[in-house]
Amino acid sequence: MVKGRAAIGAMWKGMAEHVSNPKVTTLDVKRLSPRAAREIGTFSLMTKDPTPKEISGKYLVVYVRADSTNSASARASLQAECSRQAAKRFASKPQRRAYIKHCMAAVDSYVKEPPFIEPL
């Protein structure tokens, strides 16, 4: 997981040197509370290796207003949404717990040091 403005900027710069034809498709954006939203989607790209490979996957982004980063209610709302998404996607409890743990790690990382996105 990439944390903080500098690390996120470095990640994108490094990625641009090693990939081509990046595509990001937003599948859903949902408001979680007056101060938070989440976005899910898919991505694909081609590597710039001697034998190029296509890489694709899914992503989750949680947006929290900068002035609400210490709000317990915003975090609780995000945790509830993580739980709902886990219940929709996974049948087994271990898979759901792992998804929720990953989702909340993203939330907590964002709350500690928001990336360089504009607030909602």
C-alpha atoms as a PDB file:
ATOM      1  CA  MET A   1       0.000   0.000   0.000  1.00  0.00           C
ATOM      2  CA  VAL A   2       1.342   3.425  -0.933  1.00  0.00           C
ATOM      3  CA  LYS A   3       0.977   6.103   1.738  1.00  0.00           C
ATOM      4  CA  GLY A   4       1.387   9.863   1.536  1.00  0.00           C
ATOM      5  CA  ARG A   5       1.704  12.466  -1.188  1.00  0.00           C
ATOM      6  CA  ALA A   6       5.391  11.983  -1.939  1.00  0.00           C
ATOM      7  CA  ALA A   7       5.122   8.191  -2.117  1.00  0.00           C
ATOM      8  CA  ILE A   8       2.037   8.337  -4.333  1.00  0.00           C
ATOM      9  CA  GLY A   9       3.727  10.798  -6.688  1.00  0.00           C
ATOM     10  CA  ALA A  10       6.844   8.619  -6.845  1.00  0.00           C
ATOM     11  CA  MET A  11       4.716   5.531  -7.504  1.00  0.00           C
ATOM     12  CA  TRP A  12       2.993   7.159 -10.509  1.00  0.00           C
ATOM     13  CA  LYS A  13       6.277   8.521 -11.859  1.00  0.00           C
ATOM     14  CA  GLY A  14       7.964   5.120 -11.575  1.00  0.00           C
ATOM     15  CA  MET A  15       4.978   3.381 -13.101  1.00  0.00           C
ATOM     16  CA  ALA A  16       5.000   5.710 -16.097  1.00  0.00           C
ATOM     17  CA  GLU A  17       8.545   4.586 -16.876  1.00  0.00           C
ATOM     18  CA  HIS A  18       7.613   0.886 -16.887  1.00  0.00           C
ATOM     19  CA  VAL A  19       4.084   0.708 -18.312  1.00  0.00           C
ATOM     20  CA  SER A  20       2.138   1.882 -21.316  1.00  0.00           C
ATOM     21  CA  ASN A  21      -1.497   2.177 -22.285  1.00  0.00           C
ATOM     22  CA  PRO A  22      -2.902   2.506 -18.739  1.00  0.00           C
ATOM     23  CA  LYS A  23      -6.692   2.328 -18.504  1.00  0.00           C
ATOM     24  CA  VAL A  24      -8.762   2.974 -15.390  1.00  0.00           C
ATOM     25  CA  THR A  25     -12.496   2.319 -15.376  1.00  0.00           C
ATOM     26  CA  THR A  26     -14.606   3.543 -12.490  1.00  0.00           C
ATOM     27  CA  LEU A  27     -17.392   1.038 -11.834  1.00  0.00           C
ATOM     28  CA  ASP A  28     -19.089   2.703  -8.881  1.00  0.00           C
ATOM     29  CA  VAL A  29     -18.770   5.753  -6.660  1.00  0.00           C
ATOM     30  CA  LYS A  30     -20.818   5.830  -3.501  1.00  0.00           C
ATOM     31  CA  ARG A  31     -21.219   8.514  -0.899  1.00  0.00           C
ATOM     32  CA  LEU A  32     -20.633   6.911   2.499  1.00  0.00           C
ATOM     33  CA  SER A  33     -21.399   9.939   4.638  1.00  0.00           C
ATOM     34  CA  PRO A  34     -21.494  13.710   4.216  1.00  0.00           C
ATOM     35  CA  ARG A  35     -17.691  13.640   4.535  1.00  0.00           C
ATOM     36  CA  ALA A  36     -16.638  10.392   2.842  1.00  0.00           C
ATOM     37  CA  ALA A  37     -17.040   8.439  -0.390  1.00  0.00           C
ATOM     38  CA  ARG A  38     -15.584   5.329  -1.955  1.00  0.00           C
ATOM     39  CA  GLU A  39     -14.760   4.463  -5.536  1.00  0.00           C
ATOM     40  CA  ILE A  40     -14.292   0.988  -6.976  1.00  0.00           C
ATOM     41  CA  GLY A  41     -13.121   0.104 -10.423  1.00  0.00           C
ATOM     42  CA  THR A  42     -10.801  -1.847 -12.670  1.00  0.00           C
ATOM     43  CA  PHE A  43      -7.490  -1.086 -14.315  1.00  0.00           C
ATOM     44  CA  SER A  44      -5.321  -2.514 -17.074  1.00  0.00           C
ATOM     45  CA  LEU A  45      -1.906  -1.669 -18.473  1.00  0.00           C
ATOM     46  CA  MET A  46       0.878  -3.081 -20.626  1.00  0.00           C
ATOM     47  CA  THR A  47       4.407  -3.550 -19.334  1.00  0.00           C
ATOM     48  CA  LYS A  48       7.330  -2.096 -21.303  1.00  0.00           C
ATOM     49  CA  ASP A  49       9.356  -5.307 -20.962  1.00  0.00           C
ATOM     50  CA  PRO A  50      11.026  -6.945 -23.982  1.00  0.00           C
ATOM     51  CA  THR A  51       7.991  -9.251 -23.952  1.00  0.00           C
ATOM     52  CA  PRO A  52       5.107  -6.941 -22.948  1.00  0.00           C
ATOM     53  CA  LYS A  53       2.433  -8.349 -20.655  1.00  0.00           C
ATOM     54  CA  GLU A  54      -1.037  -7.071 -19.919  1.00  0.00           C
ATOM     55  CA  ILE A  55      -1.767  -6.588 -16.227  1.00  0.00           C
ATOM     56  CA  SER A  56      -5.277  -5.978 -14.953  1.00  0.00           C
ATOM     57  CA  GLY A  57      -6.987  -5.831 -11.598  1.00  0.00           C
ATOM     58  CA  LYS A  58      -9.434  -4.055  -9.316  1.00  0.00           C
ATOM     59  CA  TYR A  59      -9.001  -1.027  -7.098  1.00  0.00           C
ATOM     60  CA  LEU A  60     -10.696   0.655  -4.147  1.00  0.00           C
ATOM     61  CA  VAL A  61     -10.224   4.307  -3.194  1.00  0.00           C
ATOM     62  CA  VAL A  62     -11.679   5.898  -0.063  1.00  0.00           C
ATOM     63  CA  TYR A  63     -12.045   9.680  -0.088  1.00  0.00           C
ATOM     64  CA  VAL A  64     -12.414  11.546   3.211  1.00  0.00           C
ATOM     65  CA  ARG A  65     -12.750  15.308   3.591  1.00  0.00           C
ATOM     66  CA  ALA A  66      -9.562  16.743   5.016  1.00  0.00           C
ATOM     67  CA  ASP A  67     -11.421  18.463   7.848  1.00  0.00           C
ATOM     68  CA  SER A  68     -13.042  15.181   8.963  1.00  0.00           C
ATOM     69  CA  THR A  69      -9.972  12.971   9.301  1.00  0.00           C
ATOM     70  CA  ASN A  70     -10.341  12.710  13.078  1.00  0.00           C
ATOM     71  CA  SER A  71     -14.067  12.029  12.957  1.00  0.00           C
ATOM     72  CA  ALA A  72     -14.986   8.757  14.628  1.00  0.00           C
ATOM     73  CA  SER A  73     -18.375   8.793  12.895  1.00  0.00           C
ATOM     74  CA  ALA A  74     -16.749   9.066   9.454  1.00  0.00           C
ATOM     75  CA  ARG A  75     -14.510   6.085  10.253  1.00  0.00           C
ATOM     76  CA  ALA A  76     -17.467   4.069  11.572  1.00  0.00           C
ATOM     77  CA  SER A  77     -19.392   4.834   8.386  1.00  0.00           C
ATOM     78  CA  LEU A  78     -16.458   3.673   6.273  1.00  0.00           C
ATOM     79  CA  GLN A  79     -16.085   0.506   8.334  1.00  0.00           C
ATOM     80  CA  ALA A  80     -19.771  -0.290   7.837  1.00  0.00           C
ATOM     81  CA  GLU A  81     -19.383   0.161   4.066  1.00  0.00           C
ATOM     82  CA  CYS A  82     -16.298  -2.076   4.043  1.00  0.00           C
ATOM     83  CA  SER A  83     -18.340  -4.742   5.846  1.00  0.00           C
ATOM     84  CA  ARG A  84     -21.243  -4.427   3.375  1.00  0.00           C
ATOM     85  CA  GLN A  85     -18.893  -4.750   0.406  1.00  0.00           C
ATOM     86  CA  ALA A  86     -17.198  -7.794   1.972  1.00  0.00           C
ATOM     87  CA  ALA A  87     -20.577  -9.481   2.533  1.00  0.00           C
ATOM     88  CA  LYS A  88     -21.500  -8.918  -1.132  1.00  0.00           C
ATOM     89  CA  ARG A  89     -18.212 -10.250  -2.513  1.00  0.00           C
ATOM     90  CA  PHE A  90     -17.183 -13.163  -0.314  1.00  0.00           C
ATOM     91  CA  ALA A  91     -18.960 -16.234   1.046  1.00  0.00           C
ATOM     92  CA  SER A  92     -16.387 -17.317   3.618  1.00  0.00           C
ATOM     93  CA  LYS A  93     -15.771 -15.452   6.873  1.00  0.00           C
ATOM     94  CA  PRO A  94     -11.958 -15.538   6.515  1.00  0.00           C
ATOM     95  CA  GLN A  95     -12.205 -13.886   3.072  1.00  0.00           C
ATOM     96  CA  ARG A  96     -14.618 -11.255   4.400  1.00  0.00           C
ATOM     97  CA  ARG A  97     -12.359 -10.540   7.402  1.00  0.00           C
ATOM     98  CA  ALA A  98      -9.317 -10.183   5.119  1.00  0.00           C
ATOM     99  CA  TYR A  99     -11.207  -7.805   2.819  1.00  0.00           C
ATOM    100  CA  ILE A 100     -12.414  -5.684   5.747  1.00  0.00           C
ATOM    101  CA  LYS A 101      -8.904  -5.593   7.211  1.00  0.00           C
ATOM    102  CA  HIS A 102      -7.469  -4.454   3.861  1.00  0.00           C
ATOM    103  CA  CYS A 103     -10.246  -1.904   3.346  1.00  0.00           C
ATOM    104  CA  MET A 104      -9.820  -0.412   6.836  1.00  0.00           C
ATOM    105  CA  ALA A 105      -6.033  -0.306   6.421  1.00  0.00           C
ATOM    106  CA  ALA A 106      -6.643   1.875   3.372  1.00  0.00           C
ATOM    107  CA  VAL A 107      -9.026   4.059   5.381  1.00  0.00           C
ATOM    108  CA  ASP A 108      -6.589   4.394   8.274  1.00  0.00           C
ATOM    109  CA  SER A 109      -3.677   5.099   5.949  1.00  0.00           C
ATOM    110  CA  TYR A 110      -5.665   7.812   4.243  1.00  0.00           C
ATOM    111  CA  VAL A 111      -6.784   9.344   7.526  1.00  0.00           C
ATOM    112  CA  LYS A 112      -3.187   9.545   8.798  1.00  0.00           C
ATOM    113  CA  GLU A 113      -1.734  11.110   5.648  1.00  0.00           C
ATOM    114  CA  PRO A 114      -4.202  11.964   2.895  1.00  0.00           C
ATOM    115  CA  PRO A 115      -2.915  11.692  -0.695  1.00  0.00           C
ATOM    116  CA  PHE A 116      -2.820  14.638  -3.070  1.00  0.00           C
ATOM    117  CA  ILE A 117      -6.467  14.457  -4.136  1.00  0.00           C
ATOM    118  CA  GLU A 118      -8.955  17.260  -3.806  1.00  0.00           C
ATOM    119  CA  PRO A 119     -11.442  16.885  -0.929  1.00  0.00           C
ATOM    120  CA  LEU A 120     -15.066  16.102  -1.743  1.00  0.00           C
END
